[in-house]
Amino acid sequence: MTIRMILLPLLVIFGFYTLLSKSLLKVAIGLALVSATLTMILFTMNSPLAAVFELSVCAGLITVVFVSVISLTEPSSPKEQRHGEANHYSRFFPGVILVLLAGWAIQSAFSDNSFPLSRFLSGPDLRHTLWSLRKLDVFGQLAAMFAGIYGVIVLFKGLKNDE
């Protein structure tokens, strides 16, 4: 049994936990767990730079931004909470069934290992691809990261000025 056979179901479990959580704080924690698990999967697939980006941006910055925004929001009224709880889990049931059916179909279609992964894994060096061919994407990700940091700083400065 490989490590991926443990990590992939764990990724799905954390994803469902995130979807089915009612608390926004639990959703943010679930997203961080999904991102950390995906980081481990990327490391096992020999993609360390993608794993580092995933861990730093998604598990790190995005979680901090979500928790910051959650701390700024007001709790909903008891009436809104009761209305949201009525059909919370039942609306996800068709999605769970579709994901399970799609997983079964994909697994049965490629169970004879006819999917040539080596074709996608071979290619130019990742460093060359990132810094020569996809340089704009890297700078775009850095810009999005700094915009998120700046947004949190502005939100907290606005709160201090209101008090």
C-alpha atoms as a PDB file:
ATOM      1  CA  MET A   1       0.000   0.000   0.000  1.00  0.00           C
ATOM      2  CA  THR A   2       1.548   3.285  -1.056  1.00  0.00           C
ATOM      3  CA  ILE A   3       1.319   6.556   0.787  1.00  0.00           C
ATOM      4  CA  ARG A   4      -0.969   7.925  -1.935  1.00  0.00           C
ATOM      5  CA  MET A   5      -3.536   5.237  -1.157  1.00  0.00           C
ATOM      6  CA  ILE A   6      -3.758   6.772   2.314  1.00  0.00           C
ATOM      7  CA  LEU A   7      -3.526  10.430   1.268  1.00  0.00           C
ATOM      8  CA  LEU A   8      -6.177  10.407  -1.478  1.00  0.00           C
ATOM      9  CA  PRO A   9      -9.031   9.110   0.724  1.00  0.00           C
ATOM     10  CA  LEU A  10      -7.837  11.465   3.451  1.00  0.00           C
ATOM     11  CA  LEU A  11      -8.096  14.338   0.961  1.00  0.00           C
ATOM     12  CA  VAL A  12     -11.669  13.327   0.113  1.00  0.00           C
ATOM     13  CA  ILE A  13     -12.604  12.979   3.799  1.00  0.00           C
ATOM     14  CA  PHE A  14     -11.219  16.430   4.616  1.00  0.00           C
ATOM     15  CA  GLY A  15     -13.043  17.827   1.577  1.00  0.00           C
ATOM     16  CA  PHE A  16     -16.368  16.401   2.739  1.00  0.00           C
ATOM     17  CA  TYR A  17     -15.680  17.671   6.261  1.00  0.00           C
ATOM     18  CA  THR A  18     -15.173  21.132   4.791  1.00  0.00           C
ATOM     19  CA  LEU A  19     -18.359  20.927   2.733  1.00  0.00           C
ATOM     20  CA  LEU A  20     -20.539  19.639   5.546  1.00  0.00           C
ATOM     21  CA  SER A  21     -19.283  21.909   8.326  1.00  0.00           C
ATOM     22  CA  LYS A  22     -21.731  24.513   9.545  1.00  0.00           C
ATOM     23  CA  SER A  23     -19.212  26.724  11.306  1.00  0.00           C
ATOM     24  CA  LEU A  24     -17.144  29.064   9.150  1.00  0.00           C
ATOM     25  CA  LEU A  25     -14.141  28.526  11.399  1.00  0.00           C
ATOM     26  CA  LYS A  26     -14.382  24.754  10.876  1.00  0.00           C
ATOM     27  CA  VAL A  27     -14.624  25.373   7.124  1.00  0.00           C
ATOM     28  CA  ALA A  28     -11.389  27.403   7.218  1.00  0.00           C
ATOM     29  CA  ILE A  29      -9.671  24.658   9.226  1.00  0.00           C
ATOM     30  CA  GLY A  30     -11.006  22.030   6.806  1.00  0.00           C
ATOM     31  CA  LEU A  31      -9.644  23.961   3.830  1.00  0.00           C
ATOM     32  CA  ALA A  32      -6.251  24.147   5.523  1.00  0.00           C
ATOM     33  CA  LEU A  33      -6.343  20.367   6.091  1.00  0.00           C
ATOM     34  CA  VAL A  34      -7.273  19.770   2.441  1.00  0.00           C
ATOM     35  CA  SER A  35      -4.430  22.006   1.333  1.00  0.00           C
ATOM     36  CA  ALA A  36      -1.903  20.340   3.651  1.00  0.00           C
ATOM     37  CA  THR A  37      -2.948  16.901   2.395  1.00  0.00           C
ATOM     38  CA  LEU A  38      -2.704  18.068  -1.211  1.00  0.00           C
ATOM     39  CA  THR A  39       0.771  19.376  -0.420  1.00  0.00           C
ATOM     40  CA  MET A  40       1.828  15.913   0.737  1.00  0.00           C
ATOM     41  CA  ILE A  41       0.379  14.399  -2.442  1.00  0.00           C
ATOM     42  CA  LEU A  42       2.296  16.901  -4.571  1.00  0.00           C
ATOM     43  CA  PHE A  43       5.522  16.037  -2.732  1.00  0.00           C
ATOM     44  CA  THR A  44       4.967  12.332  -3.421  1.00  0.00           C
ATOM     45  CA  MET A  45       4.472  13.187  -7.106  1.00  0.00           C
ATOM     46  CA  ASN A  46       7.920  14.871  -7.211  1.00  0.00           C
ATOM     47  CA  SER A  47       6.503  18.384  -7.538  1.00  0.00           C
ATOM     48  CA  PRO A  48       8.177  20.180  -4.648  1.00  0.00           C
ATOM     49  CA  LEU A  49       7.737  23.714  -5.988  1.00  0.00           C
ATOM     50  CA  ALA A  50       4.014  23.227  -6.552  1.00  0.00           C
ATOM     51  CA  ALA A  51       3.780  21.716  -3.074  1.00  0.00           C
ATOM     52  CA  VAL A  52       5.550  24.681  -1.497  1.00  0.00           C
ATOM     53  CA  PHE A  53       3.247  27.133  -3.303  1.00  0.00           C
ATOM     54  CA  GLU A  54       0.211  25.111  -2.212  1.00  0.00           C
ATOM     55  CA  LEU A  55       1.333  25.022   1.400  1.00  0.00           C
ATOM     56  CA  SER A  56       2.375  28.659   1.633  1.00  0.00           C
ATOM     57  CA  VAL A  57      -0.506  30.259  -0.215  1.00  0.00           C
ATOM     58  CA  CYS A  58      -3.481  27.960   0.296  1.00  0.00           C
ATOM     59  CA  ALA A  59      -2.796  26.463   3.721  1.00  0.00           C
ATOM     60  CA  GLY A  60      -1.074  29.572   5.026  1.00  0.00           C
ATOM     61  CA  LEU A  61      -2.261  32.853   3.590  1.00  0.00           C
ATOM     62  CA  ILE A  62      -5.793  31.865   2.591  1.00  0.00           C
ATOM     63  CA  THR A  63      -6.470  30.341   6.018  1.00  0.00           C
ATOM     64  CA  VAL A  64      -5.260  33.517   7.726  1.00  0.00           C
ATOM     65  CA  VAL A  65      -7.449  35.650   5.457  1.00  0.00           C
ATOM     66  CA  PHE A  66     -10.507  33.422   6.087  1.00  0.00           C
ATOM     67  CA  VAL A  67     -10.045  33.470   9.859  1.00  0.00           C
ATOM     68  CA  SER A  68      -9.542  37.249   9.766  1.00  0.00           C
ATOM     69  CA  VAL A  69     -12.731  37.765   7.778  1.00  0.00           C
ATOM     70  CA  ILE A  70     -14.641  35.373  10.047  1.00  0.00           C
ATOM     71  CA  SER A  71     -13.556  37.387  13.073  1.00  0.00           C
ATOM     72  CA  LEU A  72     -14.914  40.533  11.409  1.00  0.00           C
ATOM     73  CA  THR A  73     -18.360  39.139  10.577  1.00  0.00           C
ATOM     74  CA  GLU A  74     -21.314  39.353  12.902  1.00  0.00           C
ATOM     75  CA  PRO A  75     -23.057  36.144  13.976  1.00  0.00           C
ATOM     76  CA  SER A  76     -26.389  35.471  12.310  1.00  0.00           C
ATOM     77  CA  SER A  77     -29.656  35.685  14.182  1.00  0.00           C
ATOM     78  CA  PRO A  78     -31.190  32.517  15.706  1.00  0.00           C
ATOM     79  CA  LYS A  79     -33.949  32.604  13.056  1.00  0.00           C
ATOM     80  CA  GLU A  80     -31.377  32.599  10.229  1.00  0.00           C
ATOM     81  CA  GLN A  81     -29.474  29.782  11.933  1.00  0.00           C
ATOM     82  CA  ARG A  82     -32.603  27.591  12.184  1.00  0.00           C
ATOM     83  CA  HIS A  83     -33.478  28.276   8.535  1.00  0.00           C
ATOM     84  CA  GLY A  84     -29.965  27.280   7.429  1.00  0.00           C
ATOM     85  CA  GLU A  85     -29.976  24.072   9.491  1.00  0.00           C
ATOM     86  CA  ALA A  86     -33.182  22.634   8.018  1.00  0.00           C
ATOM     87  CA  ASN A  87     -31.754  21.192   4.773  1.00  0.00           C
ATOM     88  CA  HIS A  88     -28.037  21.564   5.390  1.00  0.00           C
ATOM     89  CA  TYR A  89     -26.963  17.959   4.828  1.00  0.00           C
ATOM     90  CA  SER A  90     -29.641  16.818   2.391  1.00  0.00           C
ATOM     91  CA  ARG A  91     -28.570  19.264  -0.315  1.00  0.00           C
ATOM     92  CA  PHE A  92     -25.108  17.647  -0.475  1.00  0.00           C
ATOM     93  CA  PHE A  93     -26.384  14.097  -0.958  1.00  0.00           C
ATOM     94  CA  PRO A  94     -26.650  14.235  -4.800  1.00  0.00           C
ATOM     95  CA  GLY A  95     -23.129  15.665  -5.014  1.00  0.00           C
ATOM     96  CA  VAL A  96     -21.714  12.861  -2.877  1.00  0.00           C
ATOM     97  CA  ILE A  97     -23.425  10.265  -5.075  1.00  0.00           C
ATOM     98  CA  LEU A  98     -22.102  11.937  -8.253  1.00  0.00           C
ATOM     99  CA  VAL A  99     -18.539  12.045  -6.893  1.00  0.00           C
ATOM    100  CA  LEU A 100     -18.685   8.378  -5.912  1.00  0.00           C
ATOM    101  CA  LEU A 101     -20.084   7.369  -9.312  1.00  0.00           C
ATOM    102  CA  ALA A 102     -17.478   9.447 -11.160  1.00  0.00           C
ATOM    103  CA  GLY A 103     -14.686   7.927  -9.064  1.00  0.00           C
ATOM    104  CA  TRP A 104     -15.980   4.434  -9.750  1.00  0.00           C
ATOM    105  CA  ALA A 105     -16.256   5.144 -13.498  1.00  0.00           C
ATOM    106  CA  ILE A 106     -12.752   6.616 -13.714  1.00  0.00           C
ATOM    107  CA  GLN A 107     -11.247   3.774 -11.696  1.00  0.00           C
ATOM    108  CA  SER A 108     -12.921   1.117 -13.810  1.00  0.00           C
ATOM    109  CA  ALA A 109     -12.016   2.869 -17.072  1.00  0.00           C
ATOM    110  CA  PHE A 110      -8.310   3.106 -16.212  1.00  0.00           C
ATOM    111  CA  SER A 111      -7.923  -0.014 -14.080  1.00  0.00           C
ATOM    112  CA  ASP A 112      -5.789  -1.718 -16.729  1.00  0.00           C
ATOM    113  CA  ASN A 113      -3.203   1.098 -16.432  1.00  0.00           C
ATOM    114  CA  SER A 114      -3.891   2.263 -19.977  1.00  0.00           C
ATOM    115  CA  PHE A 115      -3.510   5.897 -18.944  1.00  0.00           C
ATOM    116  CA  PRO A 116       0.059   6.885 -19.871  1.00  0.00           C
ATOM    117  CA  LEU A 117       1.166   9.064 -16.961  1.00  0.00           C
ATOM    118  CA  SER A 118       4.773   9.034 -18.094  1.00  0.00           C
ATOM    119  CA  ARG A 119       3.800  11.155 -21.090  1.00  0.00           C
ATOM    120  CA  PHE A 120       2.658  13.936 -18.764  1.00  0.00           C
ATOM    121  CA  LEU A 121       5.441  13.572 -16.206  1.00  0.00           C
ATOM    122  CA  SER A 122       8.302  13.789 -18.679  1.00  0.00           C
ATOM    123  CA  GLY A 123       9.145  17.163 -20.064  1.00  0.00           C
ATOM    124  CA  PRO A 124      11.267  20.224 -19.422  1.00  0.00           C
ATOM    125  CA  ASP A 125      12.726  20.901 -16.008  1.00  0.00           C
ATOM    126  CA  LEU A 126      10.219  22.471 -13.625  1.00  0.00           C
ATOM    127  CA  ARG A 127      12.534  25.361 -12.752  1.00  0.00           C
ATOM    128  CA  HIS A 128      12.972  26.184 -16.423  1.00  0.00           C
ATOM    129  CA  THR A 129       9.223  25.984 -16.949  1.00  0.00           C
ATOM    130  CA  LEU A 130       8.421  28.231 -13.983  1.00  0.00           C
ATOM    131  CA  TRP A 131      11.037  30.923 -14.471  1.00  0.00           C
ATOM    132  CA  SER A 132      11.213  30.979 -18.262  1.00  0.00           C
ATOM    133  CA  LEU A 133       7.903  29.850 -19.711  1.00  0.00           C
ATOM    134  CA  ARG A 134       5.467  30.628 -16.846  1.00  0.00           C
ATOM    135  CA  LYS A 135       7.148  33.661 -15.285  1.00  0.00           C
ATOM    136  CA  LEU A 136       3.985  35.755 -15.536  1.00  0.00           C
ATOM    137  CA  ASP A 137       2.006  33.118 -13.615  1.00  0.00           C
ATOM    138  CA  VAL A 138       4.526  33.135 -10.772  1.00  0.00           C
ATOM    139  CA  PHE A 139       4.414  36.918 -10.528  1.00  0.00           C
ATOM    140  CA  GLY A 140       0.619  36.820 -10.716  1.00  0.00           C
ATOM    141  CA  GLN A 141       0.519  34.438  -7.773  1.00  0.00           C
ATOM    142  CA  LEU A 142       2.877  36.679  -5.827  1.00  0.00           C
ATOM    143  CA  ALA A 143       0.694  39.692  -6.638  1.00  0.00           C
ATOM    144  CA  ALA A 144      -2.415  37.849  -5.431  1.00  0.00           C
ATOM    145  CA  MET A 145      -0.612  36.882  -2.236  1.00  0.00           C
ATOM    146  CA  PHE A 146       0.465  40.454  -1.532  1.00  0.00           C
ATOM    147  CA  ALA A 147      -3.023  41.747  -2.366  1.00  0.00           C
ATOM    148  CA  GLY A 148      -4.455  39.372   0.245  1.00  0.00           C
ATOM    149  CA  ILE A 149      -1.943  40.533   2.840  1.00  0.00           C
ATOM    150  CA  TYR A 150      -2.657  44.171   2.009  1.00  0.00           C
ATOM    151  CA  GLY A 151      -6.418  43.537   2.251  1.00  0.00           C
ATOM    152  CA  VAL A 152      -6.070  42.072   5.743  1.00  0.00           C
ATOM    153  CA  ILE A 153      -3.895  45.011   6.830  1.00  0.00           C
ATOM    154  CA  VAL A 154      -6.452  47.513   5.513  1.00  0.00           C
ATOM    155  CA  LEU A 155      -9.304  45.667   7.258  1.00  0.00           C
ATOM    156  CA  PHE A 156      -7.537  45.708  10.601  1.00  0.00           C
ATOM    157  CA  LYS A 157      -6.525  49.360  10.264  1.00  0.00           C
ATOM    158  CA  GLY A 158     -10.159  50.191   9.460  1.00  0.00           C
ATOM    159  CA  LEU A 159     -11.263  48.406  12.632  1.00  0.00           C
ATOM    160  CA  LYS A 160      -8.769  50.318  14.784  1.00  0.00           C
ATOM    161  CA  ASN A 161      -9.965  53.636  13.338  1.00  0.00           C
ATOM    162  CA  ASP A 162     -13.635  52.764  14.011  1.00  0.00           C
ATOM    163  CA  GLU A 163     -12.950  52.115  17.695  1.00  0.00           C
END
